[in-house]
């Protein structure tokens, strides 16, 4: 029975950590079934996302320092969106004033919501990394992962080589988290995968609500390809590296070297 208590507490804290992503889902759902007067749907979504972000900071769910990190991941995601839409990987079919080169500006918030979740979970679960690699390793790793999202259209896709390298780089790395005053531990690569998997689930919900469309969803909605889990898995690593850099600057005990 005591583990049920931990499970309920864990689920509740996870839900609270997902405030921003859930808000985006609600905005997408509302804008799909209700026509907003004098506003195109994508423009409404952008305005609503900005309001949510302001409220997150106003009610101290996020700090200004966390907002800077979240905004950085927003920009990283928006640049990726511009490139991927140009390459035909997916599309935003609806018209909007705040749409540039085929990409509505609200799309960056879907990436920043991932960073928001990580910041929230870090605080609520009192995360600590055990044997986190040096910045001399994690920074180039993030750069290689991000570059591969662009370069694989022209040269060999290195994602599976990168995935294999992760098991070497994070071989002895774990994340320690606290649930109802009890500490648990998980291998870091597994935590990356689980977050990526649930983002993929969220992506299926988002595409169903018309946030964007993949080529196989043009005529009718279909499940997002399973390979996208690996994409989110790798993007999560970039996000965590960015968030970790912020957190470790403000705390001396977030990493345990054993």
Protein backbone atom coordinates (compact mmCIF):
# COMPACT_ATOMS: atom_id res chain seq x y z
CA UNK A 1 0.00 0.00 0.00
CA UNK A 2 2.84 2.40 0.76
CA UNK A 3 4.01 2.17 -2.87
CA UNK A 4 0.53 3.18 -4.02
CA UNK A 5 0.95 6.30 -1.90
CA UNK A 6 4.26 7.02 -3.61
CA UNK A 7 2.73 6.38 -7.03
CA UNK A 8 -0.16 8.77 -6.40
CA UNK A 9 2.17 11.45 -5.09
CA UNK A 10 4.51 10.94 -8.07
CA UNK A 11 1.62 11.21 -10.55
CA UNK A 12 0.30 14.35 -8.85
CA UNK A 13 3.69 16.06 -8.94
CA UNK A 14 4.17 15.06 -12.57
CA UNK A 15 0.80 16.58 -13.41
CA UNK A 16 1.76 19.83 -11.65
CA UNK A 17 5.05 19.85 -13.55
CA UNK A 18 3.08 19.69 -16.81
CA UNK A 19 1.17 22.94 -16.25
CA UNK A 20 2.56 24.59 -19.39
CA UNK A 21 2.13 21.57 -21.72
CA UNK A 22 -1.41 20.97 -20.42
CA UNK A 23 -2.25 24.64 -20.96
CA UNK A 24 -1.11 24.30 -24.58
CA UNK A 25 -3.30 21.21 -25.05
CA UNK A 26 -6.29 23.11 -23.69
CA UNK A 27 -5.57 26.05 -25.99
CA UNK A 28 -5.29 23.72 -28.99
CA UNK A 29 -8.51 21.93 -28.06
CA UNK A 30 -10.48 25.13 -27.46
CA UNK A 31 -9.27 26.73 -30.67
CA UNK A 32 -10.18 23.60 -32.64
CA UNK A 33 -13.84 23.55 -31.59
CA UNK A 34 -14.44 27.29 -31.10
CA UNK A 35 -13.89 29.95 -33.74
CA UNK A 36 -12.29 33.05 -32.20
CA UNK A 37 -13.76 36.28 -33.64
CA UNK A 38 -11.33 38.54 -35.54
CA UNK A 39 -8.42 36.17 -34.92
CA UNK A 40 -6.88 33.41 -37.01
CA UNK A 41 -6.43 30.22 -34.99
CA UNK A 42 -2.61 30.22 -34.98
CA UNK A 43 -2.56 33.88 -33.90
CA UNK A 44 -4.94 33.13 -31.04
CA UNK A 45 -2.75 30.21 -29.94
CA UNK A 46 0.32 32.49 -29.90
CA UNK A 47 -1.43 35.16 -27.81
CA UNK A 48 -2.75 32.54 -25.39
CA UNK A 49 0.71 30.93 -25.02
CA UNK A 50 2.30 34.32 -24.27
CA UNK A 51 -0.34 34.95 -21.60
CA UNK A 52 0.32 31.53 -20.04
CA UNK A 53 4.07 32.20 -20.01
CA UNK A 54 3.58 35.58 -18.32
CA UNK A 55 1.30 33.98 -15.73
CA UNK A 56 3.85 31.24 -15.03
CA UNK A 57 6.40 33.88 -14.06
CA UNK A 58 3.89 36.16 -12.31
CA UNK A 59 2.68 33.38 -10.02
CA UNK A 60 6.29 32.28 -9.43
CA UNK A 61 5.88 28.89 -11.05
CA UNK A 62 8.98 29.84 -13.02
CA UNK A 63 11.82 32.16 -12.12
CA UNK A 64 13.32 34.79 -14.44
CA UNK A 65 16.47 32.64 -14.75
CA UNK A 66 14.36 29.64 -15.75
CA UNK A 67 12.49 31.83 -18.23
CA UNK A 68 15.81 32.66 -19.92
CA UNK A 69 16.59 28.97 -20.34
CA UNK A 70 13.06 28.21 -21.53
CA UNK A 71 13.28 31.07 -24.04
CA UNK A 72 16.59 29.70 -25.34
CA UNK A 73 14.99 26.32 -26.01
CA UNK A 74 12.07 28.18 -27.61
CA UNK A 75 14.49 29.75 -30.10
CA UNK A 76 16.27 26.44 -30.69
CA UNK A 77 12.93 24.81 -31.46
CA UNK A 78 11.73 27.65 -33.68
CA UNK A 79 14.88 27.52 -35.81
CA UNK A 80 14.42 23.77 -36.16
CA UNK A 81 10.78 24.30 -37.14
CA UNK A 82 11.73 26.77 -39.88
CA UNK A 83 14.18 24.30 -41.37
CA UNK A 84 12.01 21.20 -41.07
CA UNK A 85 8.95 22.87 -42.58
CA UNK A 86 11.12 24.14 -45.43
CA UNK A 87 12.32 20.55 -46.01
CA UNK A 88 8.73 19.27 -46.02
CA UNK A 89 9.02 17.18 -42.84
CA UNK A 90 5.69 18.59 -41.61
CA UNK A 91 3.44 21.56 -42.27
CA UNK A 92 1.14 24.14 -40.70
CA UNK A 93 -1.69 24.38 -43.22
CA UNK A 94 -3.74 27.20 -41.69
CA UNK A 95 -3.26 30.91 -42.41
CA UNK A 96 -1.98 33.30 -39.75
CA UNK A 97 -0.56 36.80 -39.52
CA UNK A 98 2.15 35.58 -37.14
CA UNK A 99 3.34 32.94 -39.58
CA UNK A 100 6.74 33.24 -41.24
CA UNK A 101 8.16 30.95 -43.93
CA UNK A 102 5.33 28.54 -43.25
CA UNK A 103 5.88 28.42 -39.47
CA UNK A 104 3.55 30.04 -36.90
CA UNK A 105 5.44 31.66 -34.04
CA UNK A 106 3.46 29.73 -31.45
CA UNK A 107 5.33 26.55 -32.46
CA UNK A 108 8.34 27.58 -30.37
CA UNK A 109 6.20 27.32 -27.24
CA UNK A 110 5.75 23.60 -27.80
CA UNK A 111 9.51 23.23 -27.36
CA UNK A 112 9.76 25.70 -24.47
CA UNK A 113 6.99 23.77 -22.68
CA UNK A 114 9.38 20.79 -22.59
CA UNK A 115 12.03 22.93 -20.88
CA UNK A 116 9.32 24.28 -18.56
CA UNK A 117 8.38 20.73 -17.57
CA UNK A 118 12.02 19.87 -16.82
CA UNK A 119 12.42 23.00 -14.66
CA UNK A 120 9.23 22.19 -12.76
CA UNK A 121 10.12 18.53 -12.28
CA UNK A 122 13.64 19.46 -11.16
CA UNK A 123 12.22 21.55 -8.34
CA UNK A 124 9.32 19.31 -7.33
CA UNK A 125 11.35 16.08 -7.27
CA UNK A 126 14.55 17.66 -5.93
CA UNK A 127 16.54 16.16 -8.81
CA UNK A 128 20.21 15.35 -8.39
CA UNK A 129 22.48 13.90 -11.06
CA UNK A 130 25.02 11.26 -10.11
CA UNK A 131 28.16 11.19 -12.24
CA UNK A 132 26.96 13.81 -14.71
CA UNK A 133 29.60 14.12 -17.47
CA UNK A 134 31.83 17.15 -17.82
CA UNK A 135 30.69 20.18 -19.85
CA UNK A 136 33.53 19.35 -22.23
CA UNK A 137 31.46 16.29 -23.14
CA UNK A 138 27.85 17.46 -22.76
CA UNK A 139 28.18 20.70 -24.76
CA UNK A 140 29.69 19.04 -27.87
CA UNK A 141 27.13 16.25 -27.48
CA UNK A 142 24.26 18.78 -27.58
CA UNK A 143 25.84 20.47 -30.60
CA UNK A 144 26.21 17.17 -32.50
CA UNK A 145 22.61 16.14 -31.71
CA UNK A 146 21.22 19.49 -32.86
CA UNK A 147 23.38 19.60 -36.00
CA UNK A 148 22.26 16.11 -37.00
CA UNK A 149 18.63 17.27 -37.16
CA UNK A 150 19.74 19.52 -40.03
CA UNK A 151 22.54 17.54 -41.67
CA UNK A 152 20.77 14.19 -41.99
CA UNK A 153 18.84 15.59 -44.96
CA UNK A 154 22.11 15.70 -46.89
CA UNK A 155 24.47 13.18 -45.30
CA UNK A 156 24.23 10.01 -43.20
CA UNK A 157 21.77 10.20 -40.30
CA UNK A 158 23.92 9.77 -37.19
CA UNK A 159 21.09 9.47 -34.68
CA UNK A 160 21.65 5.78 -33.92
CA UNK A 161 25.40 6.29 -33.56
CA UNK A 162 24.60 9.13 -31.16
CA UNK A 163 22.15 6.94 -29.22
CA UNK A 164 24.79 4.23 -28.85
CA UNK A 165 27.33 6.80 -27.68
CA UNK A 166 24.92 7.91 -24.96
CA UNK A 167 25.20 4.55 -23.24
CA UNK A 168 28.96 5.11 -23.06
CA UNK A 169 28.84 8.78 -22.07
CA UNK A 170 26.18 8.21 -19.39
CA UNK A 171 27.24 4.69 -18.46
CA UNK A 172 27.56 5.48 -14.75
CA UNK A 173 25.08 8.37 -14.68
CA UNK A 174 21.86 8.25 -12.70
CA UNK A 175 19.21 10.72 -11.67
CA UNK A 176 18.12 10.75 -8.05
CA UNK A 177 14.63 12.06 -7.30
CA UNK A 178 12.56 12.40 -4.19
CA UNK A 179 8.96 11.19 -3.91
CA UNK A 180 7.18 11.95 -0.64
CA UNK A 181 10.50 12.28 1.22
CA UNK A 182 11.78 8.96 -0.13
CA UNK A 183 14.68 8.94 -2.61
CA UNK A 184 14.62 6.86 -5.77
CA UNK A 185 17.20 6.41 -8.49
CA UNK A 186 16.97 5.82 -12.23
CA UNK A 187 19.55 5.44 -14.99
CA UNK A 188 19.81 8.74 -16.85
CA UNK A 189 19.40 7.30 -20.35
CA UNK A 190 16.18 5.56 -19.28
CA UNK A 191 14.84 8.86 -17.93
CA UNK A 192 15.65 10.53 -21.28
CA UNK A 193 13.73 7.82 -23.12
CA UNK A 194 10.68 7.95 -20.84
CA UNK A 195 10.35 11.72 -21.23
CA UNK A 196 10.79 11.38 -25.00
CA UNK A 197 8.14 8.67 -25.14
CA UNK A 198 5.54 10.73 -23.28
CA UNK A 199 6.31 13.76 -25.46
CA UNK A 200 5.63 11.49 -28.46
CA UNK A 201 2.27 10.61 -26.89
CA UNK A 202 1.62 14.34 -26.45
CA UNK A 203 2.64 14.90 -30.07
CA UNK A 204 -0.06 12.47 -31.19
CA UNK A 205 -2.61 14.46 -29.21
CA UNK A 206 -1.28 17.74 -30.67
CA UNK A 207 -1.47 16.55 -34.28
CA UNK A 208 -4.95 15.17 -33.65
CA UNK A 209 -5.94 18.66 -32.46
CA UNK A 210 -4.46 20.15 -35.63
CA UNK A 211 -1.36 21.82 -34.17
CA UNK A 212 0.54 20.73 -37.29
CA UNK A 213 0.42 17.90 -39.82
CA UNK A 214 2.90 15.30 -40.99
CA UNK A 215 2.75 14.23 -44.65
CA UNK A 216 0.84 11.04 -43.73
CA UNK A 217 -1.78 13.13 -41.91
CA UNK A 218 -2.76 15.39 -44.80
CA UNK A 219 -6.01 13.64 -45.65
CA UNK A 220 -6.80 11.97 -42.33
CA UNK A 221 -5.12 11.74 -38.94
CA UNK A 222 -2.72 8.86 -38.41
CA UNK A 223 -0.50 7.97 -35.47
CA UNK A 224 2.86 9.74 -35.48
CA UNK A 225 5.67 7.47 -36.68
CA UNK A 226 7.44 5.62 -33.88
CA UNK A 227 10.80 6.95 -35.09
CA UNK A 228 9.76 10.36 -33.75
CA UNK A 229 10.32 8.94 -30.25
CA UNK A 230 14.06 8.90 -31.00
CA UNK A 231 13.87 12.53 -32.17
CA UNK A 232 12.22 13.66 -28.95
CA UNK A 233 14.59 11.44 -26.95
CA UNK A 234 17.52 13.38 -28.42
CA UNK A 235 15.86 16.79 -28.09
CA UNK A 236 15.16 16.06 -24.42
CA UNK A 237 18.90 15.59 -23.89
CA UNK A 238 19.60 19.04 -25.34
CA UNK A 239 16.93 20.55 -23.09
CA UNK A 240 18.23 18.81 -19.97
CA UNK A 241 21.81 19.88 -20.73
CA UNK A 242 20.63 23.51 -21.02
CA UNK A 243 18.54 23.34 -17.84
CA UNK A 244 21.32 21.50 -15.96
CA UNK A 245 23.74 24.29 -16.86
CA UNK A 246 21.41 26.80 -15.19
CA UNK A 247 20.70 24.68 -12.11
CA UNK A 248 24.32 23.76 -11.50
CA UNK A 249 25.34 27.40 -11.58
CA UNK A 250 22.99 28.13 -8.69
CA UNK A 251 23.57 25.05 -6.56
CA UNK A 252 26.67 23.17 -5.53
CA UNK A 253 24.95 19.91 -4.64
CA UNK A 254 22.91 19.03 -7.74
CA UNK A 255 25.59 16.59 -8.91
CA UNK A 256 26.98 13.75 -6.87
CA UNK A 257 30.25 12.18 -8.01
CA UNK A 258 30.70 8.65 -6.78
